[in-house]
Amino acid sequence: MADPMPVIDDLRAESEALDLLVAELSPERWALATPAPGWTVAHQIAHLAWTDHSSVLAVTDQDAFAREVENALTSPGDFVDSGAEEGAGKPPARLLADWRAGREVLEGALRAAPEGARFPWYGPPMSTASMATARLMETWAHGLDVADALGVPRIAPGDRLRHITRLGIRTRDFAFGVHGLTPPFEEFRVELTSPAGELWTYGPEDATDRVSGPALDFCLLVTQRAHRADLALHAEGSDADRWLDIAQAFAGPPGPGRAPEGAEAVEGAEAVEGAEAVEGADKAGGSDKAEGADKAAGAKRDSR
């Protein structure tokens, strides 16, 4: 059984790295739009605080968590956004304090969890290590959204990415299932290069279906923070190829994902091109109409 303490330590480190990004933000910066439609920086942090609170309930008060799930089922398409919206409405200092306090409570609960414990969740039940890994994955992914909004680069968190790669691989069958597809029976071989250049390998060496590439790119893919077309991931085999199109390491229905880089520019260019074509057609139509009117007027003059 995996020792959960290392991933809990890494969750703390990832949370502190994101905290540094937002700790000194002005209220105007908290209101900046992020890549998630309708979500500001405040929504991103509020979502993390809300999910941390749900995690605390799952670990410490499963009856209360069951009531939360029942409430969520009354509006399954809205409960995540509602939680983020409620938190984002708080003054930034209050939101930041609440997020910090919730992180501390969750860390304490995870460290105190009995060995072998499993906790309910919105998806399958999770072990202590899995719960901490899921929180690390979300913190990293939403931290990317915050960094994008602020226009600052985020340094890849080194070996902490290993937890997210493992989660992305373990959720392979889940990703197929939420898309209404039968999961492949055979394991895949996954070979990923860490930020430090180390090779991380998973699955049987002789597997027919294989995935390879940078670990960072794989993590961006399974958290749907980048489009496959913009990543240096390679698939061998039809099932592995399909997986890279649908992979997701998070619970819930499939997300829309990110558009390929340059898609907005292409869309804008197409819109301009289309407008120019319409304008040209209008001009041509106007010329034809004028020419027709001149001919008609000339005919009338000739007949008089």
C-alpha atoms as a PDB file:
ATOM      1  CA  MET A   1       0.000   0.000   0.000  1.00  0.00           C
ATOM      2  CA  ALA A   2       1.388   3.390  -1.006  1.00  0.00           C
ATOM      3  CA  ASP A   3       2.548   5.687   1.769  1.00  0.00           C
ATOM      4  CA  PRO A   4       0.365   8.821   1.411  1.00  0.00           C
ATOM      5  CA  MET A   5       2.760  11.155   3.216  1.00  0.00           C
ATOM      6  CA  PRO A   6       4.977  12.027   0.209  1.00  0.00           C
ATOM      7  CA  VAL A   7       2.014  13.076  -1.928  1.00  0.00           C
ATOM      8  CA  ILE A   8       0.533  15.036   0.989  1.00  0.00           C
ATOM      9  CA  ASP A   9       3.874  16.850   1.268  1.00  0.00           C
ATOM     10  CA  ASP A  10       3.770  17.569  -2.471  1.00  0.00           C
ATOM     11  CA  LEU A  11       0.170  18.793  -2.239  1.00  0.00           C
ATOM     12  CA  ARG A  12       1.293  21.288   0.379  1.00  0.00           C
ATOM     13  CA  ALA A  13       4.190  22.444  -1.810  1.00  0.00           C
ATOM     14  CA  GLU A  14       1.947  22.859  -4.869  1.00  0.00           C
ATOM     15  CA  SER A  15      -0.609  24.829  -2.855  1.00  0.00           C
ATOM     16  CA  GLU A  16       2.098  27.103  -1.476  1.00  0.00           C
ATOM     17  CA  ALA A  17       3.412  27.745  -4.992  1.00  0.00           C
ATOM     18  CA  LEU A  18      -0.045  28.874  -6.114  1.00  0.00           C
ATOM     19  CA  ASP A  19      -0.477  30.898  -2.929  1.00  0.00           C
ATOM     20  CA  LEU A  20       2.598  32.916  -3.886  1.00  0.00           C
ATOM     21  CA  LEU A  21       0.921  33.866  -7.168  1.00  0.00           C
ATOM     22  CA  VAL A  22      -2.223  35.280  -5.585  1.00  0.00           C
ATOM     23  CA  ALA A  23      -1.162  36.463  -2.119  1.00  0.00           C
ATOM     24  CA  GLU A  24      -0.385  40.055  -3.130  1.00  0.00           C
ATOM     25  CA  LEU A  25      -2.920  40.538  -5.932  1.00  0.00           C
ATOM     26  CA  SER A  26      -4.977  43.707  -6.095  1.00  0.00           C
ATOM     27  CA  PRO A  27      -8.775  43.350  -6.200  1.00  0.00           C
ATOM     28  CA  GLU A  28      -8.632  44.189  -9.908  1.00  0.00           C
ATOM     29  CA  ARG A  29      -6.280  41.274 -10.552  1.00  0.00           C
ATOM     30  CA  TRP A  30      -8.531  38.880  -8.645  1.00  0.00           C
ATOM     31  CA  ALA A  31     -11.241  39.845 -11.139  1.00  0.00           C
ATOM     32  CA  LEU A  32      -9.186  38.964 -14.234  1.00  0.00           C
ATOM     33  CA  ALA A  33     -10.778  36.434 -16.577  1.00  0.00           C
ATOM     34  CA  THR A  34      -9.132  33.010 -16.799  1.00  0.00           C
ATOM     35  CA  PRO A  35      -9.299  30.494 -19.674  1.00  0.00           C
ATOM     36  CA  ALA A  36     -12.302  28.813 -18.013  1.00  0.00           C
ATOM     37  CA  PRO A  37     -15.373  30.585 -19.478  1.00  0.00           C
ATOM     38  CA  GLY A  38     -17.022  32.819 -16.894  1.00  0.00           C
ATOM     39  CA  TRP A  39     -14.385  32.200 -14.226  1.00  0.00           C
ATOM     40  CA  THR A  40     -12.069  34.834 -12.809  1.00  0.00           C
ATOM     41  CA  VAL A  41      -8.970  34.282 -10.695  1.00  0.00           C
ATOM     42  CA  ALA A  42     -11.288  34.494  -7.688  1.00  0.00           C
ATOM     43  CA  HIS A  43     -13.493  31.717  -9.095  1.00  0.00           C
ATOM     44  CA  GLN A  44     -10.454  29.475  -9.519  1.00  0.00           C
ATOM     45  CA  ILE A  45      -9.348  29.866  -5.906  1.00  0.00           C
ATOM     46  CA  ALA A  46     -12.936  29.635  -4.675  1.00  0.00           C
ATOM     47  CA  HIS A  47     -13.345  26.347  -6.528  1.00  0.00           C
ATOM     48  CA  LEU A  48     -10.226  24.947  -4.874  1.00  0.00           C
ATOM     49  CA  ALA A  49     -11.479  26.076  -1.462  1.00  0.00           C
ATOM     50  CA  TRP A  50     -14.890  24.533  -2.121  1.00  0.00           C
ATOM     51  CA  THR A  51     -13.397  21.218  -3.225  1.00  0.00           C
ATOM     52  CA  ASP A  52     -11.034  21.167  -0.245  1.00  0.00           C
ATOM     53  CA  HIS A  53     -14.068  21.593   2.013  1.00  0.00           C
ATOM     54  CA  SER A  54     -15.861  18.725   0.277  1.00  0.00           C
ATOM     55  CA  SER A  55     -12.733  16.606   0.711  1.00  0.00           C
ATOM     56  CA  VAL A  56     -12.614  17.373   4.432  1.00  0.00           C
ATOM     57  CA  LEU A  57     -16.211  16.212   4.782  1.00  0.00           C
ATOM     58  CA  ALA A  58     -15.476  13.025   2.833  1.00  0.00           C
ATOM     59  CA  VAL A  59     -12.570  12.236   5.167  1.00  0.00           C
ATOM     60  CA  THR A  60     -14.049  13.325   8.507  1.00  0.00           C
ATOM     61  CA  ASP A  61     -17.870  13.334   8.230  1.00  0.00           C
ATOM     62  CA  GLN A  62     -19.183  10.963   5.606  1.00  0.00           C
ATOM     63  CA  ASP A  63     -22.833  11.560   6.539  1.00  0.00           C
ATOM     64  CA  ALA A  64     -22.399  15.278   5.875  1.00  0.00           C
ATOM     65  CA  PHE A  65     -20.626  14.480   2.622  1.00  0.00           C
ATOM     66  CA  ALA A  66     -23.518  12.218   1.576  1.00  0.00           C
ATOM     67  CA  ARG A  67     -25.882  15.158   2.097  1.00  0.00           C
ATOM     68  CA  GLU A  68     -23.643  17.297  -0.107  1.00  0.00           C
ATOM     69  CA  VAL A  69     -23.828  14.674  -2.835  1.00  0.00           C
ATOM     70  CA  GLU A  70     -27.632  14.590  -2.540  1.00  0.00           C
ATOM     71  CA  ASN A  71     -27.745  18.366  -2.910  1.00  0.00           C
ATOM     72  CA  ALA A  72     -25.429  18.172  -5.914  1.00  0.00           C
ATOM     73  CA  LEU A  73     -27.700  15.639  -7.599  1.00  0.00           C
ATOM     74  CA  THR A  74     -30.577  18.122  -7.533  1.00  0.00           C
ATOM     75  CA  SER A  75     -28.629  20.328  -9.971  1.00  0.00           C
ATOM     76  CA  PRO A  76     -25.784  18.192 -11.346  1.00  0.00           C
ATOM     77  CA  GLY A  77     -24.906  20.699 -14.045  1.00  0.00           C
ATOM     78  CA  ASP A  78     -24.640  23.689 -11.720  1.00  0.00           C
ATOM     79  CA  PHE A  79     -23.282  22.674  -8.328  1.00  0.00           C
ATOM     80  CA  VAL A  80     -19.602  23.166  -9.204  1.00  0.00           C
ATOM     81  CA  ASP A  81     -20.203  26.616 -10.706  1.00  0.00           C
ATOM     82  CA  SER A  82     -22.450  27.546  -7.789  1.00  0.00           C
ATOM     83  CA  GLY A  83     -19.729  26.725  -5.282  1.00  0.00           C
ATOM     84  CA  ALA A  84     -17.187  28.780  -7.206  1.00  0.00           C
ATOM     85  CA  GLU A  85     -19.609  31.684  -7.624  1.00  0.00           C
ATOM     86  CA  GLU A  86     -20.381  31.815  -3.919  1.00  0.00           C
ATOM     87  CA  GLY A  87     -16.717  31.898  -2.957  1.00  0.00           C
ATOM     88  CA  ALA A  88     -15.781  34.391  -5.664  1.00  0.00           C
ATOM     89  CA  GLY A  89     -18.296  36.826  -4.198  1.00  0.00           C
ATOM     90  CA  LYS A  90     -16.244  37.167  -1.025  1.00  0.00           C
ATOM     91  CA  PRO A  91     -13.691  39.961  -0.583  1.00  0.00           C
ATOM     92  CA  PRO A  92     -10.320  38.675  -1.830  1.00  0.00           C
ATOM     93  CA  ALA A  93      -8.711  38.772   1.624  1.00  0.00           C
ATOM     94  CA  ARG A  94     -11.527  36.674   3.070  1.00  0.00           C
ATOM     95  CA  LEU A  95     -11.415  34.203   0.169  1.00  0.00           C
ATOM     96  CA  LEU A  96      -7.647  33.813   0.512  1.00  0.00           C
ATOM     97  CA  ALA A  97      -7.930  33.266   4.271  1.00  0.00           C
ATOM     98  CA  ASP A  98     -10.679  30.677   3.809  1.00  0.00           C
ATOM     99  CA  TRP A  99      -8.659  28.802   1.188  1.00  0.00           C
ATOM    100  CA  ARG A 100      -5.600  28.737   3.424  1.00  0.00           C
ATOM    101  CA  ALA A 101      -7.568  27.563   6.442  1.00  0.00           C
ATOM    102  CA  GLY A 102      -9.294  24.829   4.442  1.00  0.00           C
ATOM    103  CA  ARG A 103      -5.962  23.572   3.099  1.00  0.00           C
ATOM    104  CA  GLU A 104      -4.610  23.224   6.618  1.00  0.00           C
ATOM    105  CA  VAL A 105      -7.684  21.355   7.829  1.00  0.00           C
ATOM    106  CA  LEU A 106      -7.576  18.981   4.869  1.00  0.00           C
ATOM    107  CA  GLU A 107      -3.869  18.296   5.282  1.00  0.00           C
ATOM    108  CA  GLY A 108      -4.382  17.467   8.948  1.00  0.00           C
ATOM    109  CA  ALA A 109      -7.305  15.175   8.144  1.00  0.00           C
ATOM    110  CA  LEU A 110      -5.350  13.310   5.475  1.00  0.00           C
ATOM    111  CA  ARG A 111      -2.317  12.856   7.720  1.00  0.00           C
ATOM    112  CA  ALA A 112      -4.523  11.552  10.530  1.00  0.00           C
ATOM    113  CA  ALA A 113      -6.513   9.133   8.347  1.00  0.00           C
ATOM    114  CA  PRO A 114      -6.197   5.493   9.408  1.00  0.00           C
ATOM    115  CA  GLU A 115      -4.124   3.188   7.250  1.00  0.00           C
ATOM    116  CA  GLY A 116      -6.169   1.563   4.504  1.00  0.00           C
ATOM    117  CA  ALA A 117      -9.047   4.043   4.807  1.00  0.00           C
ATOM    118  CA  ARG A 118     -11.204   4.767   1.784  1.00  0.00           C
ATOM    119  CA  PHE A 119     -13.384   7.807   1.380  1.00  0.00           C
ATOM    120  CA  PRO A 120     -16.539   8.464  -0.663  1.00  0.00           C
ATOM    121  CA  TRP A 121     -16.343  10.913  -3.532  1.00  0.00           C
ATOM    122  CA  TYR A 122     -18.358  12.160  -6.506  1.00  0.00           C
ATOM    123  CA  GLY A 123     -16.733   9.333  -8.456  1.00  0.00           C
ATOM    124  CA  PRO A 124     -15.363   6.034  -7.099  1.00  0.00           C
ATOM    125  CA  PRO A 125     -14.179   5.901  -3.448  1.00  0.00           C
ATOM    126  CA  MET A 126     -10.590   7.009  -2.895  1.00  0.00           C
ATOM    127  CA  SER A 127      -7.707   6.095  -0.616  1.00  0.00           C
ATOM    128  CA  THR A 128      -5.812   8.727   1.333  1.00  0.00           C
ATOM    129  CA  ALA A 129      -3.068   8.830  -1.299  1.00  0.00           C
ATOM    130  CA  SER A 130      -5.611   9.074  -4.124  1.00  0.00           C
ATOM    131  CA  MET A 131      -7.463  11.906  -2.394  1.00  0.00           C
ATOM    132  CA  ALA A 132      -4.233  13.858  -1.936  1.00  0.00           C
ATOM    133  CA  THR A 133      -3.232  13.157  -5.544  1.00  0.00           C
ATOM    134  CA  ALA A 134      -6.569  14.410  -6.845  1.00  0.00           C
ATOM    135  CA  ARG A 135      -6.211  17.604  -4.821  1.00  0.00           C
ATOM    136  CA  LEU A 136      -2.653  18.102  -6.118  1.00  0.00           C
ATOM    137  CA  MET A 137      -3.824  17.596  -9.698  1.00  0.00           C
ATOM    138  CA  GLU A 138      -6.613  20.144  -9.324  1.00  0.00           C
ATOM    139  CA  THR A 139      -4.380  22.657  -7.568  1.00  0.00           C
ATOM    140  CA  TRP A 140      -1.801  22.411 -10.337  1.00  0.00           C
ATOM    141  CA  ALA A 141      -4.372  22.608 -13.141  1.00  0.00           C
ATOM    142  CA  HIS A 142      -6.296  25.555 -11.721  1.00  0.00           C
ATOM    143  CA  GLY A 143      -2.983  27.195 -10.903  1.00  0.00           C
ATOM    144  CA  LEU A 144      -2.198  27.080 -14.614  1.00  0.00           C
ATOM    145  CA  ASP A 145      -5.460  28.915 -15.297  1.00  0.00           C
ATOM    146  CA  VAL A 146      -4.525  31.569 -12.754  1.00  0.00           C
ATOM    147  CA  ALA A 147      -1.038  31.959 -14.225  1.00  0.00           C
ATOM    148  CA  ASP A 148      -2.517  32.325 -17.713  1.00  0.00           C
ATOM    149  CA  ALA A 149      -4.817  35.085 -16.479  1.00  0.00           C
ATOM    150  CA  LEU A 150      -1.948  36.902 -14.779  1.00  0.00           C
ATOM    151  CA  GLY A 151       0.312  36.509 -17.794  1.00  0.00           C
ATOM    152  CA  VAL A 152       3.086  34.824 -15.825  1.00  0.00           C
ATOM    153  CA  PRO A 153       4.849  31.534 -16.607  1.00  0.00           C
ATOM    154  CA  ARG A 154       4.632  28.673 -14.148  1.00  0.00           C
ATOM    155  CA  ILE A 155       7.666  26.470 -13.725  1.00  0.00           C
ATOM    156  CA  ALA A 156       6.882  22.761 -14.111  1.00  0.00           C
ATOM    157  CA  PRO A 157       6.837  21.339 -10.568  1.00  0.00           C
ATOM    158  CA  GLY A 158       9.463  18.683 -11.231  1.00  0.00           C
ATOM    159  CA  ASP A 159       8.832  15.327  -9.646  1.00  0.00           C
ATOM    160  CA  ARG A 160       5.413  16.453  -8.379  1.00  0.00           C
ATOM    161  CA  LEU A 161       4.163  15.832 -11.907  1.00  0.00           C
ATOM    162  CA  ARG A 162       4.692  12.109 -11.345  1.00  0.00           C
ATOM    163  CA  HIS A 163       1.564  11.998  -9.180  1.00  0.00           C
ATOM    164  CA  ILE A 164      -0.495  13.550 -11.975  1.00  0.00           C
ATOM    165  CA  THR A 165       0.882  11.186 -14.613  1.00  0.00           C
ATOM    166  CA  ARG A 166      -0.076   8.210 -12.471  1.00  0.00           C
ATOM    167  CA  LEU A 167      -3.549   9.612 -11.931  1.00  0.00           C
ATOM    168  CA  GLY A 168      -3.944  10.239 -15.646  1.00  0.00           C
ATOM    169  CA  ILE A 169      -3.023   6.625 -16.388  1.00  0.00           C
ATOM    170  CA  ARG A 170      -5.238   5.177 -13.646  1.00  0.00           C
ATOM    171  CA  THR A 171      -8.228   7.120 -14.992  1.00  0.00           C
ATOM    172  CA  ARG A 172      -7.880   5.715 -18.527  1.00  0.00           C
ATOM    173  CA  ASP A 173     -10.888   3.407 -18.234  1.00  0.00           C
ATOM    174  CA  PHE A 174     -12.941   6.161 -16.583  1.00  0.00           C
ATOM    175  CA  ALA A 175     -12.243   8.461 -19.537  1.00  0.00           C
ATOM    176  CA  PHE A 176     -13.475   5.840 -21.991  1.00  0.00           C
ATOM    177  CA  GLY A 177     -16.559   5.205 -19.853  1.00  0.00           C
ATOM    178  CA  VAL A 178     -17.697   8.829 -19.564  1.00  0.00           C
ATOM    179  CA  HIS A 179     -17.551   9.026 -23.359  1.00  0.00           C
ATOM    180  CA  GLY A 180     -19.803   5.972 -23.659  1.00  0.00           C
ATOM    181  CA  LEU A 181     -16.948   3.790 -24.911  1.00  0.00           C
ATOM    182  CA  THR A 182     -15.885   0.341 -23.772  1.00  0.00           C
ATOM    183  CA  PRO A 183     -12.453   0.570 -22.129  1.00  0.00           C
ATOM    184  CA  PRO A 184      -9.690  -1.455 -23.767  1.00  0.00           C
ATOM    185  CA  PHE A 185      -9.008  -4.787 -22.101  1.00  0.00           C
ATOM    186  CA  GLU A 186      -5.220  -4.632 -22.392  1.00  0.00           C
ATOM    187  CA  GLU A 187      -2.921  -2.262 -20.529  1.00  0.00           C
ATOM    188  CA  PHE A 188      -1.018   0.402 -22.446  1.00  0.00           C
ATOM    189  CA  ARG A 189       2.680   1.100 -22.256  1.00  0.00           C
ATOM    190  CA  VAL A 190       3.323   4.722 -21.280  1.00  0.00           C
ATOM    191  CA  GLU A 191       6.820   6.222 -21.446  1.00  0.00           C
ATOM    192  CA  LEU A 192       7.171   9.830 -20.322  1.00  0.00           C
ATOM    193  CA  THR A 193      10.201  12.064 -19.950  1.00  0.00           C
ATOM    194  CA  SER A 194      10.255  14.013 -16.693  1.00  0.00           C
ATOM    195  CA  PRO A 195      11.222  17.708 -16.555  1.00  0.00           C
ATOM    196  CA  ALA A 196      14.632  16.549 -15.275  1.00  0.00           C
ATOM    197  CA  GLY A 197      15.110  14.162 -18.206  1.00  0.00           C
ATOM    198  CA  GLU A 198      14.327  10.952 -16.327  1.00  0.00           C
ATOM    199  CA  LEU A 199      12.212   8.310 -18.080  1.00  0.00           C
ATOM    200  CA  TRP A 200       9.017   7.385 -16.252  1.00  0.00           C
ATOM    201  CA  THR A 201       7.540   4.107 -17.489  1.00  0.00           C
ATOM    202  CA  TYR A 202       4.198   2.429 -16.845  1.00  0.00           C
ATOM    203  CA  GLY A 203       2.586  -0.746 -18.155  1.00  0.00           C
ATOM    204  CA  PRO A 204       4.013  -3.842 -19.845  1.00  0.00           C
ATOM    205  CA  GLU A 205       6.992  -3.378 -22.145  1.00  0.00           C
ATOM    206  CA  ASP A 206       5.436  -5.570 -24.845  1.00  0.00           C
ATOM    207  CA  ALA A 207       2.080  -3.745 -24.972  1.00  0.00           C
ATOM    208  CA  THR A 208       0.698  -3.150 -28.459  1.00  0.00           C
ATOM    209  CA  ASP A 209      -0.788   0.258 -27.644  1.00  0.00           C
ATOM    210  CA  ARG A 210       1.743   2.811 -26.469  1.00  0.00           C
ATOM    211  CA  VAL A 211       1.987   6.485 -25.530  1.00  0.00           C
ATOM    212  CA  SER A 212       5.207   8.472 -25.251  1.00  0.00           C
ATOM    213  CA  GLY A 213       6.315  12.065 -24.852  1.00  0.00           C
ATOM    214  CA  PRO A 214       7.085  14.710 -22.212  1.00  0.00           C
ATOM    215  CA  ALA A 215       5.478  14.170 -18.804  1.00  0.00           C
ATOM    216  CA  LEU A 216       4.479  17.844 -18.713  1.00  0.00           C
ATOM    217  CA  ASP A 217       2.579  17.482 -21.988  1.00  0.00           C
ATOM    218  CA  PHE A 218       0.811  14.374 -20.709  1.00  0.00           C
ATOM    219  CA  CYS A 219      -0.263  16.234 -17.567  1.00  0.00           C
ATOM    220  CA  LEU A 220      -1.511  19.166 -19.631  1.00  0.00           C
ATOM    221  CA  LEU A 221      -3.520  16.711 -21.723  1.00  0.00           C
ATOM    222  CA  VAL A 222      -5.181  14.742 -18.912  1.00  0.00           C
ATOM    223  CA  THR A 223      -6.118  17.955 -17.089  1.00  0.00           C
ATOM    224  CA  GLN A 224      -7.365  19.403 -20.398  1.00  0.00           C
ATOM    225  CA  ARG A 225      -5.141  22.472 -20.114  1.00  0.00           C
ATOM    226  CA  ALA A 226      -3.843  22.124 -23.666  1.00  0.00           C
ATOM    227  CA  HIS A 227      -5.093  20.660 -26.925  1.00  0.00           C
ATOM    228  CA  ARG A 228      -3.512  17.467 -28.156  1.00  0.00           C
ATOM    229  CA  ALA A 229      -2.477  19.187 -31.383  1.00  0.00           C
ATOM    230  CA  ASP A 230      -0.188  21.494 -29.394  1.00  0.00           C
ATOM    231  CA  LEU A 231       1.553  18.709 -27.456  1.00  0.00           C
ATOM    232  CA  ALA A 232       4.460  16.424 -28.327  1.00  0.00           C
ATOM    233  CA  LEU A 233       2.676  13.185 -27.440  1.00  0.00           C
ATOM    234  CA  HIS A 234       2.870  10.133 -29.687  1.00  0.00           C
ATOM    235  CA  ALA A 235       0.426   7.210 -29.767  1.00  0.00           C
ATOM    236  CA  GLU A 236       0.858   3.775 -31.292  1.00  0.00           C
ATOM    237  CA  GLY A 237      -2.303   1.733 -31.727  1.00  0.00           C
ATOM    238  CA  SER A 238      -5.884   2.805 -32.324  1.00  0.00           C
ATOM    239  CA  ASP A 239      -6.953   2.547 -28.678  1.00  0.00           C
ATOM    240  CA  ALA A 240      -4.016   4.622 -27.464  1.00  0.00           C
ATOM    241  CA  ASP A 241      -4.747   7.171 -30.168  1.00  0.00           C
ATOM    242  CA  ARG A 242      -8.385   7.401 -29.092  1.00  0.00           C
ATOM    243  CA  TRP A 243      -7.335   7.756 -25.458  1.00  0.00           C
ATOM    244  CA  LEU A 244      -5.265  10.848 -26.208  1.00  0.00           C
ATOM    245  CA  ASP A 245      -8.391  12.438 -27.675  1.00  0.00           C
ATOM    246  CA  ILE A 246     -10.554  11.816 -24.582  1.00  0.00           C
ATOM    247  CA  ALA A 247      -8.187  11.552 -21.605  1.00  0.00           C
ATOM    248  CA  GLN A 248      -9.223  13.279 -18.393  1.00  0.00           C
ATOM    249  CA  ALA A 249      -7.900  12.846 -14.873  1.00  0.00           C
ATOM    250  CA  PHE A 250     -10.786  14.638 -13.145  1.00  0.00           C
ATOM    251  CA  ALA A 251     -14.177  13.364 -12.020  1.00  0.00           C
ATOM    252  CA  GLY A 252     -17.377  14.386 -13.750  1.00  0.00           C
ATOM    253  CA  PRO A 253     -18.567  14.608 -17.346  1.00  0.00           C
ATOM    254  CA  PRO A 254     -16.191  15.306 -20.234  1.00  0.00           C
ATOM    255  CA  GLY A 255     -15.068  18.906 -20.381  1.00  0.00           C
ATOM    256  CA  PRO A 256     -14.814  21.010 -23.545  1.00  0.00           C
ATOM    257  CA  GLY A 257     -11.032  21.178 -23.241  1.00  0.00           C
ATOM    258  CA  ARG A 258      -8.883  23.860 -24.824  1.00  0.00           C
ATOM    259  CA  ALA A 259      -8.908  24.909 -28.446  1.00  0.00           C
ATOM    260  CA  PRO A 260      -5.662  24.455 -30.381  1.00  0.00           C
ATOM    261  CA  GLU A 261      -3.257  27.380 -30.158  1.00  0.00           C
ATOM    262  CA  GLY A 262      -3.963  29.855 -32.921  1.00  0.00           C
ATOM    263  CA  ALA A 263      -7.563  28.711 -33.301  1.00  0.00           C
ATOM    264  CA  GLU A 264      -8.875  32.131 -32.272  1.00  0.00           C
ATOM    265  CA  ALA A 265      -6.536  33.830 -34.701  1.00  0.00           C
ATOM    266  CA  VAL A 266      -7.652  31.504 -37.478  1.00  0.00           C
ATOM    267  CA  GLU A 267     -11.279  32.042 -36.536  1.00  0.00           C
ATOM    268  CA  GLY A 268     -10.738  35.791 -36.567  1.00  0.00           C
ATOM    269  CA  ALA A 269      -9.005  35.630 -39.925  1.00  0.00           C
ATOM    270  CA  GLU A 270     -11.841  33.552 -41.325  1.00  0.00           C
ATOM    271  CA  ALA A 271     -14.339  36.062 -39.990  1.00  0.00           C
ATOM    272  CA  VAL A 272     -12.438  38.932 -41.598  1.00  0.00           C
ATOM    273  CA  GLU A 273     -12.091  36.971 -44.817  1.00  0.00           C
ATOM    274  CA  GLY A 274     -15.794  36.190 -44.749  1.00  0.00           C
ATOM    275  CA  ALA A 275     -16.658  39.824 -44.112  1.00  0.00           C
ATOM    276  CA  GLU A 276     -14.445  40.906 -46.970  1.00  0.00           C
ATOM    277  CA  ALA A 277     -16.087  38.339 -49.220  1.00  0.00           C
ATOM    278  CA  VAL A 278     -19.543  39.606 -48.252  1.00  0.00           C
ATOM    279  CA  GLU A 279     -18.420  43.193 -48.723  1.00  0.00           C
ATOM    280  CA  GLY A 280     -17.001  42.274 -52.124  1.00  0.00           C
ATOM    281  CA  ALA A 281     -20.225  40.547 -53.060  1.00  0.00           C
ATOM    282  CA  ASP A 282     -22.204  43.569 -51.931  1.00  0.00           C
ATOM    283  CA  LYS A 283     -19.989  45.825 -54.005  1.00  0.00           C
ATOM    284  CA  ALA A 284     -20.296  43.524 -56.978  1.00  0.00           C
ATOM    285  CA  GLY A 285     -24.028  43.368 -56.473  1.00  0.00           C
ATOM    286  CA  GLY A 286     -24.150  47.141 -56.270  1.00  0.00           C
ATOM    287  CA  SER A 287     -22.128  47.467 -59.478  1.00  0.00           C
ATOM    288  CA  ASP A 288     -24.395  45.012 -61.264  1.00  0.00           C
ATOM    289  CA  LYS A 289     -27.463  46.870 -60.055  1.00  0.00           C
ATOM    290  CA  ALA A 290     -26.034  50.233 -61.131  1.00  0.00           C
ATOM    291  CA  GLU A 291     -25.026  48.816 -64.478  1.00  0.00           C
ATOM    292  CA  GLY A 292     -28.516  47.363 -64.922  1.00  0.00           C
ATOM    293  CA  ALA A 293     -30.112  50.693 -64.019  1.00  0.00           C
ATOM    294  CA  ASP A 294     -27.921  52.538 -66.494  1.00  0.00           C
ATOM    295  CA  LYS A 295     -28.902  50.065 -69.215  1.00  0.00           C
ATOM    296  CA  ALA A 296     -32.569  50.426 -68.361  1.00  0.00           C
ATOM    297  CA  ALA A 297     -32.312  54.205 -68.358  1.00  0.00           C
ATOM    298  CA  GLY A 298     -30.499  54.084 -71.679  1.00  0.00           C
ATOM    299  CA  ALA A 299     -33.201  51.876 -73.161  1.00  0.00           C
ATOM    300  CA  LYS A 300     -35.853  54.316 -72.038  1.00  0.00           C
ATOM    301  CA  ARG A 301     -33.954  57.219 -73.542  1.00  0.00           C
ATOM    302  CA  ASP A 302     -33.583  55.340 -76.817  1.00  0.00           C
ATOM    303  CA  SER A 303     -37.301  54.540 -76.995  1.00  0.00           C
ATOM    304  CA  ARG A 304     -38.426  58.107 -76.579  1.00  0.00           C
END
